[in-house]
Amino acid sequence: MLLKNLKPSQINYVFVLALILFSVQACSDDDDGSDDPQLLTENVTIGAQATFLRVDDVDTSTNSAIVNLSSLNISPGDVIRLKTIGTYINSPTGSTRDSAAGVFSSSNLLLGSSELNRVVDAIDAGTDNVTENTFEEDQVTDIPEDFRIDENQIQITVPAGAQFLFLGVADSKLSDNMQSTEGFAIEIRY
């Protein structure tokens, strides 16, 4: 054996070197899973006026997309990866956005658009997304449970009790939003 001929101080050196090499390898294996062929992918189309946030009475919106997590075999404690694909037009000038918002919930209940806490059973997860007040009536839209999603993939752990994921845009005025030619969706990898 090679170690049999080493002195005790040399064995310590080999041991420390092995630990360092192992640590470097472990760090290089730490990735976001975006290239993992074993992950499944679901793309959820998001309308340019779809939201779960409060909306002005004079504004026009549609309800957010609601994903039933069990239909994708996603359970609390699972780590999912989210990112936006494409853009939507968010003003008459043609400017675009590629960001959205998400919130987990224990139910699929969504109240009317004039309510602040529309997602009745919202569950906090991820980094809070601070949203702007509404454009016309300056109403608060921010809820503490939602999180931002954009073109940079995020990893988020499905919180305890979550059965649904609400997905929509976070914009202060929705009536001037339109679909872009490329469309707008959120990619869920799990």
Protein backbone atom coordinates (compact mmCIF):
# COMPACT_ATOMS: atom_id res chain seq x y z
CA MET A 1 0.00 0.00 0.00
CA LEU A 2 1.11 3.50 -0.76
CA LEU A 3 0.07 4.92 2.64
CA LYS A 4 2.06 2.23 4.50
CA ASN A 5 5.37 3.85 3.52
CA LEU A 6 4.32 7.38 4.55
CA LYS A 7 5.25 9.06 7.81
CA PRO A 8 2.40 10.25 10.10
CA SER A 9 2.98 13.90 9.11
CA GLN A 10 2.76 12.93 5.44
CA ILE A 11 -0.49 11.04 6.04
CA ASN A 12 -1.99 14.21 7.57
CA TYR A 13 -0.87 16.14 4.49
CA VAL A 14 -2.52 13.59 2.15
CA PHE A 15 -5.69 13.67 4.23
CA VAL A 16 -5.92 17.48 4.12
CA LEU A 17 -5.22 17.49 0.38
CA ALA A 18 -7.98 14.92 -0.18
CA LEU A 19 -10.42 17.07 1.80
CA ILE A 20 -9.58 20.13 -0.26
CA LEU A 21 -10.03 18.26 -3.54
CA PHE A 22 -13.35 16.84 -2.36
CA SER A 23 -14.57 20.33 -1.35
CA VAL A 24 -13.63 21.80 -4.72
CA GLN A 25 -15.49 19.01 -6.53
CA ALA A 26 -18.57 19.47 -4.32
CA CYS A 27 -18.64 23.21 -5.08
CA SER A 28 -18.38 22.64 -8.82
CA ASP A 29 -21.31 20.21 -8.71
CA ASP A 30 -23.57 22.84 -7.09
CA ASP A 31 -25.75 24.14 -9.92
CA ASP A 32 -29.32 25.27 -10.42
CA GLY A 33 -30.47 22.14 -12.22
CA SER A 34 -31.31 24.05 -15.39
CA ASP A 35 -29.50 21.49 -17.54
CA ASP A 36 -30.76 18.43 -15.66
CA PRO A 37 -32.45 16.19 -18.26
CA GLN A 38 -34.33 14.37 -15.49
CA LEU A 39 -36.34 17.47 -14.56
CA LEU A 40 -39.79 17.82 -16.06
CA THR A 41 -40.91 21.13 -17.56
CA GLU A 42 -44.31 22.77 -17.66
CA ASN A 43 -44.84 26.12 -19.43
CA VAL A 44 -47.81 28.13 -18.16
CA THR A 45 -49.06 30.89 -20.48
CA ILE A 46 -49.67 34.16 -18.65
CA GLY A 47 -52.05 36.75 -20.09
CA ALA A 48 -50.76 40.32 -20.23
CA GLN A 49 -53.61 41.46 -17.96
CA ALA A 50 -53.66 38.41 -15.66
CA THR A 51 -53.00 39.10 -11.99
CA PHE A 52 -53.78 38.00 -8.44
CA LEU A 53 -53.01 41.49 -7.09
CA ARG A 54 -55.49 44.29 -6.35
CA VAL A 55 -56.60 46.30 -9.39
CA ASP A 56 -58.22 49.75 -9.69
CA ASP A 57 -61.98 49.72 -10.24
CA VAL A 58 -61.44 51.64 -13.50
CA ASP A 59 -58.78 49.19 -14.74
CA THR A 60 -59.29 46.02 -16.76
CA SER A 61 -57.75 42.70 -15.71
CA THR A 62 -58.15 38.96 -15.91
CA ASN A 63 -57.58 36.39 -13.19
CA SER A 64 -54.13 34.91 -12.78
CA ALA A 65 -53.19 31.42 -13.88
CA ILE A 66 -53.68 28.86 -11.10
CA VAL A 67 -51.51 25.75 -11.16
CA ASN A 68 -52.73 22.69 -9.27
CA LEU A 69 -49.42 21.41 -7.87
CA SER A 70 -50.66 17.85 -7.34
CA SER A 71 -51.50 17.58 -11.05
CA LEU A 72 -47.75 17.95 -11.66
CA ASN A 73 -46.86 15.63 -8.77
CA ILE A 74 -45.31 18.58 -6.91
CA SER A 75 -45.58 18.42 -3.12
CA PRO A 76 -44.64 20.63 -0.16
CA GLY A 77 -40.90 20.37 0.43
CA ASP A 78 -40.10 19.91 -3.27
CA VAL A 79 -37.73 22.40 -4.89
CA ILE A 80 -39.03 23.87 -8.13
CA ARG A 81 -37.34 26.20 -10.59
CA LEU A 82 -39.22 29.12 -12.15
CA LYS A 83 -38.40 31.63 -14.87
CA THR A 84 -40.25 33.73 -17.40
CA ILE A 85 -40.16 33.07 -21.12
CA GLY A 86 -40.87 35.92 -23.52
CA THR A 87 -42.36 39.32 -22.71
CA TYR A 88 -45.61 41.24 -22.66
CA ILE A 89 -46.28 44.81 -23.78
CA ASN A 90 -47.02 47.00 -20.78
CA SER A 91 -47.70 50.46 -22.22
CA PRO A 92 -49.05 52.23 -25.31
CA THR A 93 -45.46 53.12 -26.24
CA GLY A 94 -44.71 49.43 -26.82
CA SER A 95 -42.29 48.94 -23.93
CA THR A 96 -42.09 45.37 -22.70
CA ARG A 97 -41.59 43.52 -19.44
CA ASP A 98 -40.34 40.04 -18.70
CA SER A 99 -41.19 39.83 -15.00
CA ALA A 100 -44.09 38.24 -13.18
CA ALA A 101 -45.17 37.32 -9.66
CA GLY A 102 -46.14 34.09 -7.96
CA VAL A 103 -47.79 33.09 -4.70
CA PHE A 104 -48.47 29.68 -3.16
CA SER A 105 -51.83 28.89 -1.57
CA SER A 106 -53.57 26.05 0.23
CA SER A 107 -56.71 26.69 -1.88
CA ASN A 108 -57.59 27.93 -5.36
CA LEU A 109 -59.81 30.72 -4.00
CA LEU A 110 -59.28 34.12 -5.64
CA LEU A 111 -61.41 37.07 -4.49
CA GLY A 112 -62.56 39.98 -6.65
CA SER A 113 -60.04 42.36 -8.19
CA SER A 114 -60.80 45.22 -5.75
CA GLU A 115 -59.64 43.16 -2.74
CA LEU A 116 -56.06 43.53 -1.42
CA ASN A 117 -55.65 39.93 -0.23
CA ARG A 118 -57.28 38.25 -3.21
CA VAL A 119 -55.48 34.92 -2.71
CA VAL A 120 -57.42 33.88 0.37
CA ASP A 121 -55.10 31.18 1.69
CA ALA A 122 -51.76 32.62 0.50
CA ILE A 123 -48.61 31.07 1.98
CA ASP A 124 -45.35 32.99 2.27
CA ALA A 125 -42.37 31.64 0.31
CA GLY A 126 -39.27 33.00 -1.36
CA THR A 127 -38.05 36.58 -1.33
CA ASP A 128 -40.90 39.07 -0.97
CA ASN A 129 -41.85 40.98 -4.11
CA VAL A 130 -42.71 44.60 -3.27
CA THR A 131 -45.28 45.77 -5.82
CA GLU A 132 -46.27 49.30 -6.86
CA ASN A 133 -49.57 50.92 -5.90
CA THR A 134 -52.25 51.04 -8.58
CA PHE A 135 -51.82 53.71 -11.24
CA GLU A 136 -55.17 55.55 -11.20
CA GLU A 137 -56.38 55.27 -7.59
CA ASP A 138 -53.02 54.75 -5.79
CA GLN A 139 -54.29 51.67 -3.93
CA VAL A 140 -51.87 49.36 -2.15
CA THR A 141 -51.26 46.11 -4.06
CA ASP A 142 -48.35 44.67 -2.07
CA ILE A 143 -48.91 41.40 -0.21
CA PRO A 144 -46.17 39.79 1.92
CA GLU A 145 -46.53 36.27 0.52
CA ASP A 146 -45.69 36.82 -3.17
CA PHE A 147 -42.33 36.52 -4.92
CA ARG A 148 -40.82 37.82 -8.17
CA ILE A 149 -40.17 35.69 -11.23
CA ASP A 150 -38.13 36.91 -14.21
CA GLU A 151 -35.82 35.57 -16.94
CA ASN A 152 -33.24 34.55 -14.32
CA GLN A 153 -34.27 31.17 -12.99
CA ILE A 154 -35.10 31.02 -9.27
CA GLN A 155 -35.25 27.97 -7.05
CA ILE A 156 -37.99 27.91 -4.46
CA THR A 157 -39.10 25.30 -1.96
CA VAL A 158 -42.82 24.58 -2.01
CA PRO A 159 -44.00 25.59 1.49
CA ALA A 160 -45.95 23.37 3.88
CA GLY A 161 -49.65 23.32 3.05
CA ALA A 162 -49.26 24.62 -0.50
CA GLN A 163 -51.53 22.96 -3.06
CA PHE A 164 -51.75 25.70 -5.69
CA LEU A 165 -49.44 28.23 -7.33
CA PHE A 166 -50.92 31.51 -8.61
CA LEU A 167 -48.98 33.15 -11.47
CA GLY A 168 -49.56 36.58 -12.99
CA VAL A 169 -48.13 39.95 -13.93
CA ALA A 170 -47.39 42.65 -11.36
CA ASP A 171 -48.17 45.97 -13.03
CA SER A 172 -49.73 49.17 -11.68
CA LYS A 173 -52.01 49.50 -14.73
CA LEU A 174 -53.22 46.49 -16.69
CA SER A 175 -55.67 47.90 -19.24
CA ASP A 176 -52.83 49.07 -21.51
CA ASN A 177 -51.06 45.69 -21.46
CA MET A 178 -51.06 43.46 -24.55
CA GLN A 179 -49.60 40.14 -25.57
CA SER A 180 -46.35 40.39 -27.51
CA THR A 181 -45.84 38.40 -30.69
CA GLU A 182 -43.47 36.04 -28.82
CA GLY A 183 -45.97 35.50 -26.00
CA PHE A 184 -45.38 35.34 -22.25
CA ALA A 185 -45.13 32.26 -20.07
CA ILE A 186 -43.60 30.93 -16.89
CA GLU A 187 -41.48 27.81 -17.07
CA ILE A 188 -41.81 25.44 -14.11
CA ARG A 189 -39.04 22.83 -13.80
CA TYR A 190 -39.51 20.12 -11.22
